[in-house]
Amino acid sequence: MNKIVINLPEKYIYSKILSVRIYDINYGNHVGHDSIISLLHEARVAFLRENNLSEMDIYGSGWIMSSISALYKSQAKYGDDLEISIGIGEISQTSIDFIYQAINVISKNEIARAITKMVFFDYKKNKIMPVPKEFVNLIRR
């Protein structure tokens, strides 16, 4: 497997501090890989919610994740506060790449970084949709 590289964006459009829950801890006594992905998802949904949007209604469109890559940099433990920052990568006619960085608020250690490709999707018609112009305007402001 080739080494995965996730370049961080020049700026972030949103950040959210989330606490590591006991539920997030695995047998190694640190946050499991699946829980990191859930924390990133929580931050992405919080961004939408703070902008009066939801994953099923982004200016009339929903979206669906078509890919995800993650790099795990250091451990997070129960009770740690993580700042999850979200930036934007490539924007195509039908999708947007979201880039995430999780930092331990106290130690400033990078915990993880990830990228997701979100494809805009009409769940009623079961078809891919164009990225809403209003959403592009929102993330570019």
C-alpha atoms as a PDB file:
ATOM      1  CA  MET A   1       0.000   0.000   0.000  1.00  0.00           C
ATOM      2  CA  ASN A   2       1.250   3.448  -0.872  1.00  0.00           C
ATOM      3  CA  LYS A   3       1.725   5.931   1.938  1.00  0.00           C
ATOM      4  CA  ILE A   4      -1.307   8.148   2.368  1.00  0.00           C
ATOM      5  CA  VAL A   5      -0.632  11.880   2.477  1.00  0.00           C
ATOM      6  CA  ILE A   6      -3.288  14.309   3.668  1.00  0.00           C
ATOM      7  CA  ASN A   7      -2.247  17.911   3.179  1.00  0.00           C
ATOM      8  CA  LEU A   8      -3.820  20.345   5.604  1.00  0.00           C
ATOM      9  CA  PRO A   9      -5.729  23.336   4.229  1.00  0.00           C
ATOM     10  CA  GLU A  10      -4.452  26.891   4.471  1.00  0.00           C
ATOM     11  CA  LYS A  11      -7.500  27.826   6.541  1.00  0.00           C
ATOM     12  CA  TYR A  12     -10.287  26.093   8.402  1.00  0.00           C
ATOM     13  CA  ILE A  13     -13.962  26.944   8.027  1.00  0.00           C
ATOM     14  CA  TYR A  14     -15.051  25.479  11.359  1.00  0.00           C
ATOM     15  CA  SER A  15     -13.761  23.958  14.569  1.00  0.00           C
ATOM     16  CA  LYS A  16     -15.467  22.181  17.442  1.00  0.00           C
ATOM     17  CA  ILE A  17     -14.128  20.942  20.773  1.00  0.00           C
ATOM     18  CA  LEU A  18     -15.331  17.441  21.602  1.00  0.00           C
ATOM     19  CA  SER A  19     -14.519  15.351  24.661  1.00  0.00           C
ATOM     20  CA  VAL A  20     -13.371  11.749  24.410  1.00  0.00           C
ATOM     21  CA  ARG A  21     -16.085   9.586  25.972  1.00  0.00           C
ATOM     22  CA  ILE A  22     -15.534   6.263  27.713  1.00  0.00           C
ATOM     23  CA  TYR A  23     -17.424   4.720  24.800  1.00  0.00           C
ATOM     24  CA  ASP A  24     -14.602   5.885  22.479  1.00  0.00           C
ATOM     25  CA  ILE A  25     -11.898   3.918  24.328  1.00  0.00           C
ATOM     26  CA  ASN A  26     -10.760   0.556  22.944  1.00  0.00           C
ATOM     27  CA  TYR A  27      -8.827  -2.362  24.454  1.00  0.00           C
ATOM     28  CA  GLY A  28      -5.560  -0.426  24.010  1.00  0.00           C
ATOM     29  CA  ASN A  29      -6.884   2.200  26.459  1.00  0.00           C
ATOM     30  CA  HIS A  30      -6.959   4.903  23.795  1.00  0.00           C
ATOM     31  CA  VAL A  31      -9.492   6.205  21.269  1.00  0.00           C
ATOM     32  CA  GLY A  32     -10.289   3.584  18.650  1.00  0.00           C
ATOM     33  CA  HIS A  33      -9.982   4.301  14.951  1.00  0.00           C
ATOM     34  CA  ASP A  34     -13.743   3.978  14.507  1.00  0.00           C
ATOM     35  CA  SER A  35     -14.384   6.525  17.252  1.00  0.00           C
ATOM     36  CA  ILE A  36     -12.063   9.068  15.620  1.00  0.00           C
ATOM     37  CA  ILE A  37     -14.208   8.803  12.488  1.00  0.00           C
ATOM     38  CA  SER A  38     -17.345   9.275  14.618  1.00  0.00           C
ATOM     39  CA  LEU A  39     -15.871  12.391  16.243  1.00  0.00           C
ATOM     40  CA  LEU A  40     -15.098  13.847  12.803  1.00  0.00           C
ATOM     41  CA  HIS A  41     -18.666  13.093  11.752  1.00  0.00           C
ATOM     42  CA  GLU A  42     -19.983  14.812  14.893  1.00  0.00           C
ATOM     43  CA  ALA A  43     -17.980  17.952  14.042  1.00  0.00           C
ATOM     44  CA  ARG A  44     -19.195  17.931  10.424  1.00  0.00           C
ATOM     45  CA  VAL A  45     -22.840  17.632  11.524  1.00  0.00           C
ATOM     46  CA  ALA A  46     -22.316  20.407  14.111  1.00  0.00           C
ATOM     47  CA  PHE A  47     -21.014  22.668  11.319  1.00  0.00           C
ATOM     48  CA  LEU A  48     -24.150  21.975   9.302  1.00  0.00           C
ATOM     49  CA  ARG A  49     -26.444  22.465  12.277  1.00  0.00           C
ATOM     50  CA  GLU A  50     -24.869  25.804  13.217  1.00  0.00           C
ATOM     51  CA  ASN A  51     -25.665  26.899   9.667  1.00  0.00           C
ATOM     52  CA  ASN A  52     -29.288  25.652   9.855  1.00  0.00           C
ATOM     53  CA  LEU A  53     -28.542  22.707   7.560  1.00  0.00           C
ATOM     54  CA  SER A  54     -28.602  18.931   7.946  1.00  0.00           C
ATOM     55  CA  GLU A  55     -27.058  15.998   6.097  1.00  0.00           C
ATOM     56  CA  MET A  56     -30.424  15.389   4.430  1.00  0.00           C
ATOM     57  CA  ASP A  57     -31.098  19.038   3.571  1.00  0.00           C
ATOM     58  CA  ILE A  58     -28.195  21.129   2.345  1.00  0.00           C
ATOM     59  CA  TYR A  59     -30.002  23.776   0.344  1.00  0.00           C
ATOM     60  CA  GLY A  60     -32.336  21.124  -1.054  1.00  0.00           C
ATOM     61  CA  SER A  61     -29.813  18.306  -1.442  1.00  0.00           C
ATOM     62  CA  GLY A  62     -28.542  15.558   0.809  1.00  0.00           C
ATOM     63  CA  TRP A  63     -25.087  14.070   0.668  1.00  0.00           C
ATOM     64  CA  ILE A  64     -23.403  10.733   0.918  1.00  0.00           C
ATOM     65  CA  MET A  65     -19.807   9.875   1.789  1.00  0.00           C
ATOM     66  CA  SER A  66     -18.027   8.210  -1.126  1.00  0.00           C
ATOM     67  CA  SER A  67     -14.559   7.881   0.413  1.00  0.00           C
ATOM     68  CA  ILE A  68     -12.556   8.436   3.566  1.00  0.00           C
ATOM     69  CA  SER A  69      -8.857   8.277   4.407  1.00  0.00           C
ATOM     70  CA  ALA A  70      -7.410   8.827   7.860  1.00  0.00           C
ATOM     71  CA  LEU A  71      -3.974   9.110   9.416  1.00  0.00           C
ATOM     72  CA  TYR A  72      -3.602   8.428  13.113  1.00  0.00           C
ATOM     73  CA  LYS A  73      -0.786  10.476  14.632  1.00  0.00           C
ATOM     74  CA  SER A  74      -0.941  10.026  18.422  1.00  0.00           C
ATOM     75  CA  GLN A  75      -3.164   8.606  21.123  1.00  0.00           C
ATOM     76  CA  ALA A  76      -6.100  10.292  22.782  1.00  0.00           C
ATOM     77  CA  LYS A  77      -7.334   9.098  26.164  1.00  0.00           C
ATOM     78  CA  TYR A  78     -10.607   9.172  28.062  1.00  0.00           C
ATOM     79  CA  GLY A  79     -11.529  12.729  29.057  1.00  0.00           C
ATOM     80  CA  ASP A  80      -9.205  14.442  26.571  1.00  0.00           C
ATOM     81  CA  ASP A  81     -10.687  17.438  24.793  1.00  0.00           C
ATOM     82  CA  LEU A  82     -10.024  17.409  21.069  1.00  0.00           C
ATOM     83  CA  GLU A  83     -10.353  20.366  18.755  1.00  0.00           C
ATOM     84  CA  ILE A  84     -11.684  19.072  15.453  1.00  0.00           C
ATOM     85  CA  SER A  85     -11.010  21.565  12.656  1.00  0.00           C
ATOM     86  CA  ILE A  86     -12.585  21.284   9.222  1.00  0.00           C
ATOM     87  CA  GLY A  87     -11.218  22.698   5.991  1.00  0.00           C
ATOM     88  CA  ILE A  88     -12.117  22.347   2.348  1.00  0.00           C
ATOM     89  CA  GLY A  89     -10.156  20.560  -0.347  1.00  0.00           C
ATOM     90  CA  GLU A  90     -11.241  19.924  -3.912  1.00  0.00           C
ATOM     91  CA  ILE A  91     -14.674  21.066  -5.043  1.00  0.00           C
ATOM     92  CA  SER A  92     -16.109  19.396  -8.148  1.00  0.00           C
ATOM     93  CA  GLN A  93     -19.519  19.741  -9.796  1.00  0.00           C
ATOM     94  CA  THR A  94     -21.008  17.058  -7.542  1.00  0.00           C
ATOM     95  CA  SER A  95     -18.699  16.677  -4.530  1.00  0.00           C
ATOM     96  CA  ILE A  96     -16.582  18.419  -1.929  1.00  0.00           C
ATOM     97  CA  ASP A  97     -13.547  17.108  -0.059  1.00  0.00           C
ATOM     98  CA  PHE A  98     -13.574  17.900   3.655  1.00  0.00           C
ATOM     99  CA  ILE A  99     -10.211  17.863   5.433  1.00  0.00           C
ATOM    100  CA  TYR A 100     -10.097  17.337   9.195  1.00  0.00           C
ATOM    101  CA  GLN A 101      -7.451  17.757  11.856  1.00  0.00           C
ATOM    102  CA  ALA A 102      -7.918  16.621  15.460  1.00  0.00           C
ATOM    103  CA  ILE A 103      -5.638  18.274  18.043  1.00  0.00           C
ATOM    104  CA  ASN A 104      -5.470  17.594  21.786  1.00  0.00           C
ATOM    105  CA  VAL A 105      -6.490  20.930  23.344  1.00  0.00           C
ATOM    106  CA  ILE A 106      -4.040  20.638  26.287  1.00  0.00           C
ATOM    107  CA  SER A 107      -0.956  18.959  24.804  1.00  0.00           C
ATOM    108  CA  LYS A 108      -1.410  20.403  21.282  1.00  0.00           C
ATOM    109  CA  ASN A 109      -0.485  16.953  19.902  1.00  0.00           C
ATOM    110  CA  GLU A 110      -2.012  16.126  16.558  1.00  0.00           C
ATOM    111  CA  ILE A 111      -4.224  13.089  17.107  1.00  0.00           C
ATOM    112  CA  ALA A 112      -5.443  12.491  13.563  1.00  0.00           C
ATOM    113  CA  ARG A 113      -6.125  13.977  10.189  1.00  0.00           C
ATOM    114  CA  ALA A 114      -8.576  12.763   7.601  1.00  0.00           C
ATOM    115  CA  ILE A 115     -10.267  13.547   4.326  1.00  0.00           C
ATOM    116  CA  THR A 116     -13.784  12.665   3.226  1.00  0.00           C
ATOM    117  CA  LYS A 117     -15.378  13.069  -0.181  1.00  0.00           C
ATOM    118  CA  MET A 118     -19.008  14.081   0.224  1.00  0.00           C
ATOM    119  CA  VAL A 119     -21.142  13.616  -2.889  1.00  0.00           C
ATOM    120  CA  PHE A 120     -24.369  15.591  -3.104  1.00  0.00           C
ATOM    121  CA  PHE A 121     -27.288  13.235  -3.472  1.00  0.00           C
ATOM    122  CA  ASP A 122     -31.068  13.237  -3.894  1.00  0.00           C
ATOM    123  CA  TYR A 123     -32.276  10.341  -1.760  1.00  0.00           C
ATOM    124  CA  LYS A 124     -35.822  10.453  -3.189  1.00  0.00           C
ATOM    125  CA  LYS A 125     -34.629  10.155  -6.784  1.00  0.00           C
ATOM    126  CA  ASN A 126     -31.568   8.074  -5.835  1.00  0.00           C
ATOM    127  CA  LYS A 127     -29.260  10.197  -7.974  1.00  0.00           C
ATOM    128  CA  ILE A 128     -26.203  12.410  -7.668  1.00  0.00           C
ATOM    129  CA  MET A 129     -26.861  16.143  -7.577  1.00  0.00           C
ATOM    130  CA  PRO A 130     -24.743  19.225  -8.287  1.00  0.00           C
ATOM    131  CA  VAL A 131     -23.132  20.988  -5.335  1.00  0.00           C
ATOM    132  CA  PRO A 132     -25.560  23.749  -4.305  1.00  0.00           C
ATOM    133  CA  LYS A 133     -24.135  27.188  -5.109  1.00  0.00           C
ATOM    134  CA  GLU A 134     -25.353  28.440  -1.730  1.00  0.00           C
ATOM    135  CA  PHE A 135     -23.222  25.830   0.005  1.00  0.00           C
ATOM    136  CA  VAL A 136     -20.140  26.816  -1.991  1.00  0.00           C
ATOM    137  CA  ASN A 137     -20.785  30.432  -0.981  1.00  0.00           C
ATOM    138  CA  LEU A 138     -21.112  29.370   2.671  1.00  0.00           C
ATOM    139  CA  ILE A 139     -17.810  27.492   2.786  1.00  0.00           C
ATOM    140  CA  ARG A 140     -15.925  30.185   0.859  1.00  0.00           C
ATOM    141  CA  ARG A 141     -16.922  33.099   3.086  1.00  0.00           C
END
